[in-house]
Amino acid sequence: MGARVYVVIAMLTCWLFIPVASVQAVMEEPQVVAASAIALDAETGRVLYAKEADSPRAAASLTKLATALTAVTLAPPDTVLYVQPQDMVGEASMGLRPGDELTLETALYGMLLASGNDAAMVIARSLSALPGESPEVSVARFVRQMNLVAQRLGMQRTTFRNPHGLDQEGHVSTARDLATLTWAVLQHPELRRILGASSYANGPYRIETTNRLLGRYPGLIGGKTGITAAAGYSLIEAAERDGHTVIVVVLGSTREAWYDDAVRLLNYAFDRLASGEVGTEPPEKPASEFASTAAADGTRATRALMVHVPKSDARSTQLWFWPASALTVAAVTGVLLMSLPVLAATVVARRASSSSPSRGARGHRRHFTRITRHGSRPGPGSGRGGATGALRGQRSEVEPGRQTVIVSFDPAMAVAQRGVRAGRRGDIAVAEEEFVNALRLNPAFDLTRTPEFWTLSPMGVVAAARAYGRVGRVRDARTLLTVARLSFGDVPVIQATLSKLPPQWAVMTCLDGDWSQTPHP
């Protein structure tokens, strides 16, 4: 009987003072050959695995994801491109010849599936070319736009020198930056569709993917390959399983190991997510336009902080931890209970003092007077007249020397915010319709006052200008495009839209993509 009592006492002591060990063993990290690698949860941005994830390395043809992302922000997929001899770059090719004509969509398939350097060159030169300038100048302008896109994504250790990824001094990126880039690319349905295609055929072009993992790994969304002497064998893959999306990046692997590295990382990441484990925390606040779009749509960004190896809590191994915690909780509870009467008395005193009228305000009755502004229609960024935000301030007199603001909701702002979100997702047609609806709700509304409006791509800004045109605000459309040209440079889509504008004294309308004008009454 005495032995049993001692056993029970020992069990109770263990239960009270010794923390229960976790039933989940720490997963062993996979061994990868790659010099640099990362695996992250695309839904939360948490890093599930990292190896030299922030070390700059040659990006090889993984660069073409940035080329594609930049291209879809500059022109629609049916834009016709004309191949010139300067577009013929060595190594990988989609089979273009000087004099060929093809759409941007076909060139994107050739660039992302066959990894065509010729496709990357014709895209970069065509979408940035201005009359009379050399192809080299046009391509350099496009590369600057690529770097601007990278900056907006928060790719802090990335610098692009060309649109195809062939080895060049200073052309570098990191595994973490390329994972962020991949997430942004996957937000564009047309690019996501291309990455997931095994082949493409259009006229004389028959294209097969270079990604051997496609169709062989369950749930694979798609990916991109890259091989150069400086970069080694590099690979990006994205896959879905059980409601999770995982992105892995492998840089500097070998011919024998690069696909094995990617598969190991995908399996490891999905196993961690299935077991409930989490990786390192993402940044407190997304820093890019695409990350901001994700936040607005209810998702999170893919950028994450430096990886830290999880460590066990030292407190949990101390026998005194649980008794000390209980004493601390009891002490805090006691202090709060003793403070309640004082807090209640303070609240009552403040309410009494605020409800009594001030000496100089006795006899004055509070009343509210709404003030409506009148004036000429504002141009983009003018800030005069019309609504300048979702909440418009209206002053009211309460007592001498004091004013109170009555806040009213402007539905036009909410609609315009939907337009901005659509434009940043790449849904330019939807963005234009939302901007038009906002302007019809409030004819004096200033689209540029919409939060994050100036994070739109050139195509998104052009959609806003077209919306101004459809409601007859030609002056505002011209001003907006002029400011956009100063901000983005001489982007062809802005130049072309600006050249089609009628004189400022005309009323402009845009139907089915064509501008027309009538004299102003």
Protein backbone atom coordinates (compact mmCIF):
# COMPACT_ATOMS: atom_id res chain seq x y z
CA MET A 1 0.00 0.00 0.00
CA GLY A 2 2.82 2.40 0.88
CA ALA A 3 4.53 1.71 -2.44
CA ARG A 4 1.38 2.63 -4.31
CA VAL A 5 1.13 5.93 -2.45
CA TYR A 6 4.70 6.78 -3.40
CA VAL A 7 3.96 5.95 -7.06
CA VAL A 8 0.89 8.21 -7.09
CA ILE A 9 2.83 11.04 -5.44
CA ALA A 10 5.61 10.66 -7.98
CA MET A 11 3.14 10.77 -10.90
CA LEU A 12 1.45 13.91 -9.53
CA THR A 13 4.83 15.58 -9.05
CA CYS A 14 5.80 14.83 -12.65
CA TRP A 15 2.45 16.10 -13.88
CA LEU A 16 2.71 19.37 -11.94
CA PHE A 17 6.35 20.25 -12.39
CA ILE A 18 7.68 18.55 -15.48
CA PRO A 19 6.41 19.84 -18.86
CA VAL A 20 5.02 17.26 -21.23
CA ALA A 21 7.39 16.55 -24.13
CA SER A 22 6.15 17.29 -27.61
CA VAL A 23 4.84 14.24 -29.43
CA GLN A 24 6.13 15.56 -32.71
CA ALA A 25 9.76 14.94 -33.36
CA VAL A 26 11.69 17.64 -35.16
CA MET A 27 11.82 16.83 -38.84
CA GLU A 28 15.22 16.27 -40.23
CA GLU A 29 16.06 18.85 -42.88
CA PRO A 30 16.71 17.50 -46.37
CA GLN A 31 20.23 17.39 -47.72
CA VAL A 32 20.43 19.40 -50.95
CA VAL A 33 23.36 19.73 -53.29
CA ALA A 34 22.46 23.25 -54.39
CA ALA A 35 24.65 26.08 -53.15
CA SER A 36 21.57 28.16 -52.34
CA ALA A 37 17.96 27.13 -51.83
CA ILE A 38 14.68 28.10 -50.20
CA ALA A 39 11.20 26.65 -49.67
CA LEU A 40 8.32 28.80 -48.50
CA ASP A 41 4.60 28.69 -47.93
CA ALA A 42 3.17 30.95 -50.63
CA GLU A 43 -0.01 31.61 -48.63
CA THR A 44 1.71 33.06 -45.57
CA GLY A 45 5.24 33.85 -46.76
CA ARG A 46 6.79 31.72 -44.02
CA VAL A 47 10.12 30.17 -44.86
CA LEU A 48 10.10 26.40 -44.35
CA TYR A 49 13.69 25.77 -45.42
CA ALA A 50 16.62 27.97 -46.31
CA LYS A 51 20.24 27.49 -47.29
CA GLU A 52 22.26 30.59 -48.16
CA ALA A 53 18.94 32.11 -49.24
CA ASP A 54 20.28 35.67 -49.29
CA SER A 55 23.57 35.04 -51.08
CA PRO A 56 23.63 36.81 -54.47
CA ARG A 57 24.22 34.45 -57.37
CA ALA A 58 23.87 34.47 -61.15
CA ALA A 59 20.17 34.09 -61.95
CA ALA A 60 20.46 32.42 -65.38
CA SER A 61 17.16 32.01 -67.23
CA LEU A 62 15.16 32.38 -64.02
CA THR A 63 15.53 36.04 -65.02
CA LYS A 64 12.86 35.44 -67.64
CA LEU A 65 10.18 35.43 -64.93
CA ALA A 66 10.98 39.10 -64.32
CA THR A 67 10.93 39.75 -68.07
CA ALA A 68 7.49 38.17 -68.33
CA LEU A 69 6.14 40.05 -65.31
CA THR A 70 7.39 43.36 -66.69
CA ALA A 71 5.98 42.62 -70.14
CA VAL A 72 2.42 42.00 -68.95
CA THR A 73 2.45 45.34 -67.12
CA LEU A 74 3.43 47.17 -70.31
CA ALA A 75 1.26 45.65 -73.02
CA PRO A 76 -1.72 43.33 -73.59
CA PRO A 77 -1.07 39.76 -74.78
CA ASP A 78 -2.29 40.40 -78.34
CA THR A 79 0.38 43.05 -78.97
CA VAL A 80 2.19 42.26 -82.25
CA LEU A 81 5.98 42.02 -82.06
CA TYR A 82 8.37 42.22 -85.04
CA VAL A 83 11.61 40.25 -84.94
CA GLN A 84 14.84 42.01 -85.91
CA PRO A 85 18.36 40.59 -86.44
CA GLN A 86 19.48 42.13 -83.13
CA ASP A 87 17.05 39.82 -81.31
CA MET A 88 19.00 36.72 -82.28
CA VAL A 89 20.91 35.76 -79.13
CA GLY A 90 22.90 32.55 -78.76
CA GLU A 91 22.11 29.37 -76.83
CA ALA A 92 18.40 28.71 -76.05
CA SER A 93 15.97 29.74 -78.80
CA MET A 94 12.30 29.40 -79.62
CA GLY A 95 13.14 29.41 -83.32
CA LEU A 96 12.50 33.02 -84.29
CA ARG A 97 13.90 34.52 -87.51
CA PRO A 98 14.33 38.15 -88.54
CA GLY A 99 11.14 39.40 -90.16
CA ASP A 100 8.81 37.14 -88.15
CA GLU A 101 5.66 38.57 -86.63
CA LEU A 102 4.17 37.10 -83.46
CA THR A 103 2.02 38.16 -80.54
CA LEU A 104 3.33 38.89 -77.09
CA GLU A 105 1.47 35.83 -75.83
CA THR A 106 3.32 33.54 -78.25
CA ALA A 107 6.64 35.14 -77.32
CA LEU A 108 5.88 34.57 -73.62
CA TYR A 109 5.26 30.87 -74.27
CA GLY A 110 8.51 30.66 -76.21
CA MET A 111 10.42 32.44 -73.47
CA LEU A 112 9.00 30.59 -70.45
CA LEU A 113 8.61 27.09 -71.92
CA ALA A 114 11.54 26.81 -74.34
CA SER A 115 13.57 29.43 -72.42
CA GLY A 116 14.13 31.28 -75.68
CA ASN A 117 16.66 34.09 -75.43
CA ASP A 118 15.42 35.36 -78.80
CA ALA A 119 11.91 35.64 -77.35
CA ALA A 120 13.20 37.59 -74.35
CA MET A 121 15.03 40.01 -76.63
CA VAL A 122 12.13 40.66 -78.98
CA ILE A 123 9.85 41.28 -75.98
CA ALA A 124 12.27 43.69 -74.32
CA ARG A 125 13.14 45.63 -77.47
CA SER A 126 9.61 45.83 -78.89
CA LEU A 127 7.83 46.94 -75.73
CA SER A 128 10.32 49.72 -75.01
CA ALA A 129 11.29 50.91 -78.50
CA LEU A 130 10.89 54.55 -79.46
CA PRO A 131 11.14 55.83 -83.03
CA GLY A 132 14.67 56.32 -84.28
CA GLU A 133 16.57 54.77 -81.37
CA SER A 134 18.86 51.76 -81.45
CA PRO A 135 17.79 48.31 -80.21
CA GLU A 136 20.41 48.50 -77.46
CA VAL A 137 18.83 51.64 -76.02
CA SER A 138 15.36 50.08 -76.15
CA VAL A 139 16.48 46.91 -74.38
CA ALA A 140 18.32 48.95 -71.73
CA ARG A 141 15.12 50.88 -71.03
CA PHE A 142 13.20 47.63 -70.58
CA VAL A 143 15.85 46.28 -68.19
CA ARG A 144 15.49 49.45 -66.10
CA GLN A 145 11.79 48.72 -65.91
CA MET A 146 12.59 45.16 -64.78
CA ASN A 147 14.70 46.53 -61.95
CA LEU A 148 11.90 48.90 -61.00
CA VAL A 149 9.53 45.93 -60.76
CA ALA A 150 12.09 44.12 -58.60
CA GLN A 151 12.36 47.13 -56.30
CA ARG A 152 8.61 47.32 -55.89
CA LEU A 153 8.59 43.64 -54.94
CA GLY A 154 11.23 44.25 -52.30
CA MET A 155 13.90 42.19 -54.07
CA GLN A 156 16.70 44.02 -52.28
CA ARG A 157 19.61 41.90 -53.49
CA THR A 158 18.63 41.63 -57.15
CA THR A 159 20.05 43.52 -60.12
CA PHE A 160 19.20 42.69 -63.73
CA ARG A 161 21.54 43.57 -66.59
CA ASN A 162 19.69 41.86 -69.44
CA PRO A 163 16.26 40.33 -70.14
CA HIS A 164 17.41 36.73 -70.83
CA GLY A 165 19.74 35.86 -67.95
CA LEU A 166 22.94 35.02 -69.80
CA ASP A 167 25.99 35.54 -67.58
CA GLN A 168 26.90 39.21 -67.25
CA GLU A 169 28.84 41.09 -64.59
CA GLY A 170 26.50 42.35 -61.88
CA HIS A 171 23.48 40.33 -63.06
CA VAL A 172 22.54 38.63 -59.76
CA SER A 173 19.66 37.61 -57.54
CA THR A 174 19.04 35.42 -54.49
CA ALA A 175 16.90 32.39 -53.71
CA ARG A 176 14.67 34.50 -51.45
CA ASP A 177 14.23 37.26 -54.05
CA LEU A 178 13.43 34.75 -56.79
CA ALA A 179 10.82 33.10 -54.57
CA THR A 180 9.20 36.51 -54.12
CA LEU A 181 9.30 37.04 -57.88
CA THR A 182 7.69 33.63 -58.46
CA TRP A 183 4.86 34.50 -56.09
CA ALA A 184 4.20 37.73 -57.98
CA VAL A 185 4.20 35.89 -61.32
CA LEU A 186 1.68 33.35 -60.03
CA GLN A 187 -0.76 36.19 -59.26
CA HIS A 188 -1.15 36.75 -63.02
CA PRO A 189 -3.47 34.06 -64.43
CA GLU A 190 -1.97 34.26 -67.93
CA LEU A 191 1.58 33.69 -66.65
CA ARG A 192 0.47 30.96 -64.28
CA ARG A 193 -1.20 29.21 -67.20
CA ILE A 194 1.96 29.42 -69.31
CA LEU A 195 4.19 28.02 -66.55
CA GLY A 196 1.84 25.05 -66.20
CA ALA A 197 1.74 24.20 -69.92
CA SER A 198 3.77 21.27 -71.20
CA SER A 199 3.63 22.46 -74.82
CA TYR A 200 2.32 25.20 -77.09
CA ALA A 201 1.56 25.40 -80.80
CA ASN A 202 0.65 28.46 -82.85
CA GLY A 203 1.27 28.67 -86.57
CA PRO A 204 4.90 27.81 -87.30
CA TYR A 205 5.84 27.64 -83.62
CA ARG A 206 5.89 24.29 -81.80
CA ILE A 207 7.22 24.70 -78.28
CA GLU A 208 7.94 22.13 -75.56
CA THR A 209 8.70 22.88 -71.93
CA THR A 210 12.19 22.39 -70.54
CA ASN A 211 10.75 21.60 -67.08
CA ARG A 212 11.04 17.82 -66.69
CA LEU A 213 9.18 17.86 -63.36
CA LEU A 214 5.95 19.02 -65.00
CA GLY A 215 3.41 16.20 -65.09
CA ARG A 216 5.54 14.01 -62.82
CA TYR A 217 5.15 15.67 -59.44
CA PRO A 218 1.60 15.62 -57.97
CA GLY A 219 0.04 19.06 -57.79
CA LEU A 220 2.84 20.86 -59.63
CA ILE A 221 1.74 24.29 -60.81
CA GLY A 222 4.79 24.90 -62.96
CA GLY A 223 8.31 26.21 -62.86
CA LYS A 224 11.32 27.53 -64.75
CA THR A 225 14.75 26.14 -65.51
CA GLY A 226 18.03 28.01 -65.80
CA ILE A 227 21.53 26.86 -66.72
CA THR A 228 24.69 28.91 -67.26
CA ALA A 229 28.35 28.44 -66.41
CA ALA A 230 28.19 30.97 -63.56
CA ALA A 231 24.78 29.94 -62.23
CA GLY A 232 25.09 26.19 -62.49
CA TYR A 233 21.84 24.23 -62.67
CA SER A 234 19.04 26.35 -61.23
CA LEU A 235 15.34 25.65 -60.86
CA ILE A 236 12.11 27.18 -59.61
CA GLU A 237 9.09 24.99 -58.88
CA ALA A 238 5.65 25.69 -57.37
CA ALA A 239 3.13 23.07 -56.29
CA GLU A 240 -0.21 22.74 -54.47
CA ARG A 241 -1.30 20.09 -51.96
CA ASP A 242 -4.05 19.95 -49.32
CA GLY A 243 -4.83 23.63 -49.67
CA HIS A 244 -1.20 24.73 -49.41
CA THR A 245 1.00 26.27 -52.10
CA VAL A 246 4.76 25.85 -51.82
CA ILE A 247 7.47 27.62 -53.84
CA VAL A 248 11.01 26.24 -53.96
CA VAL A 249 14.10 27.78 -55.52
CA VAL A 250 17.32 25.88 -56.18
CA LEU A 251 20.46 27.77 -57.28
CA GLY A 252 23.87 26.37 -58.12
CA SER A 253 23.00 22.67 -58.16
CA THR A 254 24.32 20.01 -60.53
CA ARG A 255 22.97 18.25 -63.57
CA GLU A 256 22.42 15.08 -61.55
CA ALA A 257 20.88 16.69 -58.47
CA TRP A 258 18.84 19.78 -59.36
CA TYR A 259 15.48 18.02 -59.80
CA ASP A 260 16.13 15.78 -56.79
CA ASP A 261 16.88 18.90 -54.75
CA ALA A 262 13.57 20.48 -55.77
CA VAL A 263 11.57 17.31 -55.02
CA ARG A 264 13.17 16.93 -51.59
CA LEU A 265 12.36 20.53 -50.73
CA LEU A 266 8.75 20.24 -51.93
CA ASN A 267 8.19 17.04 -49.95
CA TYR A 268 9.82 18.48 -46.85
CA ALA A 269 7.77 21.69 -47.05
CA PHE A 270 4.46 19.87 -47.49
CA ASP A 271 5.30 17.47 -44.65
CA ARG A 272 5.98 20.39 -42.33
CA LEU A 273 2.73 22.09 -43.29
CA ALA A 274 0.77 18.84 -42.83
CA SER A 275 2.28 18.31 -39.37
CA GLY A 276 1.34 21.83 -38.28
CA GLU A 277 4.90 23.10 -38.07
CA VAL A 278 5.58 26.65 -39.17
CA GLY A 279 8.65 28.38 -40.48
CA THR A 280 10.10 31.76 -39.76
CA GLU A 281 7.76 34.71 -39.61
CA PRO A 282 7.19 36.93 -42.66
CA PRO A 283 7.83 40.68 -42.48
CA GLU A 284 5.52 42.75 -40.32
CA LYS A 285 4.37 44.75 -43.33
CA PRO A 286 4.66 43.93 -47.04
CA ALA A 287 6.92 46.36 -48.87
CA SER A 288 5.88 45.87 -52.48
CA GLU A 289 2.96 46.63 -54.71
CA PHE A 290 2.26 42.94 -55.26
CA ALA A 291 2.52 42.21 -51.56
CA SER A 292 0.14 45.10 -50.88
CA THR A 293 -2.27 43.66 -53.42
CA ALA A 294 -2.16 40.36 -51.61
CA ALA A 295 -2.86 42.04 -48.30
CA ALA A 296 -5.82 43.88 -49.78
CA ASP A 297 -7.22 40.63 -51.15
CA GLY A 298 -6.84 38.81 -47.88
CA THR A 299 -3.64 36.92 -48.59
CA ARG A 300 -0.11 37.49 -47.39
CA ALA A 301 3.14 38.23 -49.09
CA THR A 302 5.97 35.82 -49.72
CA ARG A 303 8.87 37.86 -48.42
CA ALA A 304 10.22 36.63 -45.11
CA LEU A 305 12.88 37.67 -42.66
CA MET A 306 16.23 35.98 -42.19
CA VAL A 307 15.90 32.33 -41.28
CA HIS A 308 16.40 31.45 -37.62
CA VAL A 309 16.71 27.85 -36.47
CA PRO A 310 13.91 27.11 -33.96
CA LYS A 311 15.24 26.68 -30.45
CA SER A 312 13.60 25.05 -27.47
CA ASP A 313 12.39 27.39 -24.77
CA ALA A 314 14.91 27.27 -21.95
CA ARG A 315 12.21 28.04 -19.41
CA SER A 316 10.36 24.82 -20.18
CA THR A 317 13.29 22.76 -18.87
CA GLN A 318 13.30 24.41 -15.44
CA LEU A 319 11.35 22.75 -12.64
CA TRP A 320 10.40 26.10 -11.15
CA PHE A 321 8.74 27.42 -14.30
CA TRP A 322 5.15 26.28 -13.68
CA PRO A 323 4.93 27.19 -9.95
CA ALA A 324 6.49 30.60 -10.68
CA SER A 325 4.03 31.17 -13.49
CA ALA A 326 1.09 30.39 -11.21
CA LEU A 327 2.35 32.83 -8.55
CA THR A 328 2.85 35.53 -11.19
CA VAL A 329 -0.69 35.11 -12.52
CA ALA A 330 -2.10 35.29 -9.00
CA ALA A 331 -0.16 38.47 -8.25
CA VAL A 332 -1.24 40.19 -11.45
CA THR A 333 -4.87 39.23 -10.84
CA GLY A 334 -4.72 40.70 -7.35
CA VAL A 335 -3.29 43.97 -8.59
CA LEU A 336 -6.00 44.28 -11.24
CA LEU A 337 -8.78 43.63 -8.71
CA MET A 338 -7.38 46.24 -6.34
CA SER A 339 -7.17 48.78 -9.19
CA LEU A 340 -10.75 48.44 -10.39
CA PRO A 341 -12.30 50.95 -7.93
CA VAL A 342 -9.69 53.58 -8.82
CA LEU A 343 -10.24 53.07 -12.56
CA ALA A 344 -14.02 53.28 -12.16
CA ALA A 345 -13.77 56.52 -10.19
CA THR A 346 -11.49 58.03 -12.82
CA VAL A 347 -13.87 57.16 -15.67
CA VAL A 348 -16.87 58.62 -13.81
CA ALA A 349 -14.98 61.83 -13.04
CA ARG A 350 -13.91 62.33 -16.66
CA ARG A 351 -17.41 61.73 -18.00
CA ALA A 352 -18.82 64.23 -15.54
CA SER A 353 -16.29 66.89 -16.50
CA SER A 354 -16.80 66.34 -20.25
CA SER A 355 -20.60 66.46 -20.01
CA SER A 356 -20.71 69.78 -18.14
CA PRO A 357 -20.73 72.80 -20.47
CA SER A 358 -17.68 75.03 -20.53
CA ARG A 359 -17.87 78.44 -19.01
CA GLY A 360 -17.67 80.30 -22.31
CA ALA A 361 -20.03 77.96 -24.10
CA ARG A 362 -23.06 78.18 -21.79
CA GLY A 363 -26.21 79.07 -23.59
CA HIS A 364 -24.87 78.02 -26.98
CA ARG A 365 -26.78 75.22 -28.62
CA ARG A 366 -24.78 72.73 -30.66
CA HIS A 367 -25.74 72.59 -34.29
CA PHE A 368 -24.20 71.14 -37.45
CA THR A 369 -23.90 72.98 -40.70
CA ARG A 370 -22.78 71.07 -43.79
CA ILE A 371 -20.61 72.96 -46.21
CA THR A 372 -20.63 71.84 -49.83
CA ARG A 373 -17.73 72.83 -52.04
CA HIS A 374 -18.26 74.31 -55.45
CA GLY A 375 -15.69 74.83 -58.11
CA SER A 376 -14.21 73.65 -61.33
CA ARG A 377 -13.57 69.98 -61.92
CA PRO A 378 -10.14 68.93 -60.60
CA GLY A 379 -7.46 67.36 -62.67
CA PRO A 380 -5.51 64.33 -61.45
CA GLY A 381 -3.51 65.30 -58.41
CA SER A 382 -4.96 68.82 -58.28
CA GLY A 383 -6.68 68.26 -54.95
CA ARG A 384 -9.24 71.00 -55.55
CA GLY A 385 -12.94 70.38 -55.74
CA GLY A 386 -14.66 67.01 -55.81
CA ALA A 387 -13.90 64.17 -53.47
CA THR A 388 -10.36 63.61 -52.38
CA GLY A 389 -10.91 60.45 -50.38
CA ALA A 390 -13.41 57.87 -49.29
CA LEU A 391 -14.21 60.12 -46.31
CA ARG A 392 -14.94 63.76 -47.10
CA GLY A 393 -14.64 66.23 -44.23
CA GLN A 394 -17.54 68.63 -43.64
CA ARG A 395 -17.02 71.31 -41.00
CA SER A 396 -19.57 72.18 -38.39
CA GLU A 397 -19.80 74.77 -35.64
CA VAL A 398 -20.17 73.44 -32.13
CA GLU A 399 -19.15 76.34 -29.93
CA PRO A 400 -17.14 79.52 -30.38
CA GLY A 401 -13.58 78.84 -31.36
CA ARG A 402 -14.11 75.11 -31.90
CA GLN A 403 -15.08 72.99 -34.90
CA THR A 404 -16.22 69.41 -35.33
CA VAL A 405 -15.93 67.32 -38.47
CA ILE A 406 -18.83 65.30 -39.81
CA VAL A 407 -17.50 62.41 -41.85
CA SER A 408 -19.49 61.10 -44.80
CA PHE A 409 -18.70 58.03 -46.89
CA ASP A 410 -17.93 58.47 -50.58
CA PRO A 411 -18.90 55.26 -52.43
CA ALA A 412 -16.78 56.32 -55.41
CA MET A 413 -13.62 55.73 -53.39
CA ALA A 414 -14.57 52.17 -52.52
CA VAL A 415 -15.26 51.41 -56.19
CA ALA A 416 -11.99 53.05 -57.26
CA GLN A 417 -10.10 50.93 -54.71
CA ARG A 418 -11.53 47.83 -56.35
CA GLY A 419 -10.23 49.18 -59.63
CA VAL A 420 -6.73 49.65 -58.20
CA ARG A 421 -6.70 46.11 -56.84
CA ALA A 422 -7.82 44.73 -60.20
CA GLY A 423 -5.19 46.76 -62.04
CA ARG A 424 -2.43 45.50 -59.79
CA ARG A 425 -3.56 41.92 -60.38
CA GLY A 426 -3.26 42.54 -64.11
CA ASP A 427 -7.01 42.61 -64.81
CA ILE A 428 -6.80 45.85 -66.77
CA ALA A 429 -10.25 45.61 -68.37
CA VAL A 430 -11.88 45.11 -64.96
CA ALA A 431 -9.88 48.01 -63.55
CA GLU A 432 -11.07 50.35 -66.31
CA GLU A 433 -14.73 49.44 -65.71
CA GLU A 434 -14.38 50.02 -61.97
CA PHE A 435 -12.75 53.41 -62.57
CA VAL A 436 -15.60 54.37 -64.90
CA ASN A 437 -18.17 53.32 -62.29
CA ALA A 438 -16.39 55.43 -59.67
CA LEU A 439 -16.40 58.49 -61.92
CA ARG A 440 -20.07 58.06 -62.67
CA LEU A 441 -20.88 57.82 -58.97
CA ASN A 442 -18.99 61.06 -58.35
CA PRO A 443 -18.39 63.11 -61.54
CA ALA A 444 -15.76 65.23 -59.76
CA PHE A 445 -13.85 62.29 -58.30
CA ASP A 446 -10.03 62.29 -58.56
CA LEU A 447 -8.79 58.76 -59.27
CA THR A 448 -5.22 59.60 -58.28
CA ARG A 449 -6.40 60.17 -54.70
CA THR A 450 -7.23 56.48 -54.39
CA PRO A 451 -4.83 54.77 -51.97
CA GLU A 452 -1.91 53.06 -53.76
CA PHE A 453 -2.99 54.41 -57.14
CA TRP A 454 0.60 55.26 -58.09
CA THR A 455 1.71 51.70 -57.47
CA LEU A 456 -0.19 50.71 -60.62
CA SER A 457 1.70 49.59 -63.69
CA PRO A 458 1.67 51.80 -66.81
CA MET A 459 -1.21 49.70 -68.16
CA GLY A 460 -3.19 50.38 -64.97
CA VAL A 461 -2.62 54.13 -65.24
CA VAL A 462 -3.68 54.02 -68.89
CA ALA A 463 -6.88 52.26 -67.78
CA ALA A 464 -7.60 55.20 -65.46
CA ALA A 465 -6.93 57.68 -68.29
CA ARG A 466 -9.30 55.77 -70.56
CA ALA A 467 -11.91 55.90 -67.81
CA TYR A 468 -11.55 59.68 -67.67
CA GLY A 469 -12.03 59.72 -71.43
CA ARG A 470 -15.18 57.64 -71.30
CA VAL A 471 -16.85 60.18 -69.02
CA GLY A 472 -15.67 63.15 -71.07
CA ARG A 473 -12.86 64.45 -68.83
CA VAL A 474 -10.25 64.90 -71.56
CA ARG A 475 -8.15 67.41 -69.64
CA ASP A 476 -7.82 65.06 -66.67
CA ALA A 477 -6.89 62.17 -68.97
CA ARG A 478 -4.16 64.24 -70.61
CA THR A 479 -2.78 65.44 -67.28
CA LEU A 480 -2.74 61.93 -65.85
CA LEU A 481 -0.87 60.51 -68.83
CA THR A 482 1.62 63.38 -68.77
CA VAL A 483 2.39 62.75 -65.11
CA ALA A 484 2.65 59.01 -65.83
CA ARG A 485 5.15 59.66 -68.60
CA LEU A 486 7.31 61.65 -66.19
CA SER A 487 7.05 58.83 -63.64
CA PHE A 488 7.53 55.77 -65.85
CA GLY A 489 9.51 57.28 -68.71
CA ASP A 490 8.65 57.06 -72.40
CA VAL A 491 6.72 53.80 -72.13
CA PRO A 492 5.14 52.97 -75.51
CA VAL A 493 1.65 52.27 -74.17
CA ILE A 494 1.55 55.68 -72.47
CA GLN A 495 2.98 57.42 -75.52
CA ALA A 496 0.49 55.73 -77.82
CA THR A 497 -2.50 56.58 -75.63
CA LEU A 498 -1.37 60.17 -75.19
CA SER A 499 -0.91 60.62 -78.95
CA LYS A 500 -4.51 59.55 -79.55
CA LEU A 501 -5.98 62.17 -77.25
CA PRO A 502 -8.03 64.90 -78.94
CA PRO A 503 -7.42 68.61 -78.21
CA GLN A 504 -8.22 69.84 -74.73
CA TRP A 505 -11.27 71.73 -75.95
CA ALA A 506 -12.91 68.51 -77.22
CA VAL A 507 -14.96 65.94 -75.40
CA MET A 508 -13.26 62.55 -75.63
CA THR A 509 -14.95 59.18 -75.60
CA CYS A 510 -13.43 55.72 -75.80
CA LEU A 511 -15.48 52.89 -77.27
CA ASP A 512 -14.05 49.43 -77.94
CA GLY A 513 -10.51 50.74 -77.67
CA ASP A 514 -10.92 53.63 -80.15
CA TRP A 515 -10.89 57.32 -79.21
CA SER A 516 -13.39 59.69 -80.79
CA GLN A 517 -14.06 63.34 -80.18
CA THR A 518 -16.79 65.91 -80.54
CA PRO A 519 -16.64 69.67 -80.02
CA HIS A 520 -17.25 70.76 -76.48
CA PRO A 521 -20.69 72.37 -76.17
